[in-house]
Amino acid sequence: MLAQNDNQPTIVKYVGANYGGIQLLALSRYAIGYVVRGTKHIYYGDACHTVSKGEIFYMGVGNHYVEDIPEEGRPFEQVIVYYSPELLQRTLLYLNMNYSINISNSHSCDRCRRLNHVSTEASSTLRSFFTHAVSYLQDDNFMHDEAAENIKLTELMYLIVSQSDGCLKSKILSNMDASRDNFEQIIYSHIFCDISIEELSTLCNRSLTSFKKEFKRHFYMPPHRWFIRQRLMQSRLLLISTSKSISEIGIECTFPNTSHFIKLFKKEYGTTPAIYRHRHCGSNSAETDARLASVANDTQSREEMFEEVESMAL
């Protein structure tokens, strides 16, 4: 794992010769990348967003489900620049003071507000930037050269903010709010922790009412619903990428028990974890699907019976 220094950008070239499936990528800093070869998929819920060769992408702080697909006969390759909001502020201030660059953006759309990533076709100047970055990264003298990495970040930000307003520029300029960054980092770092909303609000130095309002401004839904959705997204990844049992996955994703996990999964995705795994990893025979559905219905009937008994007890 790369050592992190919030006062210093990190520029890395990744080369993946083998297909690794869908991976969970947890970012503690912002990332701007460029696909040199192959195709990148970024998943949110049931939506798959494709980043093709020659496109630039941005990913915010938090969890991302990504899939890097090699080109036929050639490895997947990408270059990524990591930076913190403090470093971004310093870089943009330098551009403004020394080159009178007007740092502004009027673009806003639903895609910018709701997604934690954006991608777009790279302009010719941005393609040239990343092509030169690849050449630099092949030189041992450039590796971990702080001055060189700062110069490259300044150049990259200049090229982006000089462009016409759009999603990429909008997302990057929104990173200058350090308080927003700290709030989101606390939330993302506790997705799989057994922690109450009251305890989270205390960690964020806010009253419970203030915390819930700010949470909705950041994530567009109440805390409880958002945390369940994030944990269910992780469970889907584990179902199709590991051989862990349903109960093990439920525990790993912080659900109190297997029955509760199955119920929430079916409510969100319209099917049980077992059927979901079978459809994505196993055979597609109608007979097996019918057998799994029968088991799922029996399980649901038992759950409803238990819930009715519990409600009577209360």
Foldseek 3Di string as FASTA:
>chain_A
DDDDDQQFKAKDKDWAADWDPKDKDAALFKKKKAWQFFKKWKDDQPDIDIDHHQKIKIAGGFIITMTTGGDVVGITMMMMMTHALVNLVVLVVCCCVPVVQDQDADDDDPCLQADRMDMDRDDPVVVVLVVVVVVLVVDPVNHPPRVNRSVSVSVVLCVLRVDHHDSVSVNSVVRNPVLVSVLVSLLRVCLQPPDDLCVSCVVSVHHSVVNQVVVCSRNVDGPVVVSLSVLLVVLLSCLQNHPDDQQVSCVRSPHPGSLRNQVSNCVSPVHGSVLSSCVRHHDDDPVVNVVRVVVSVVSVVVVVVVVVVVVVVD
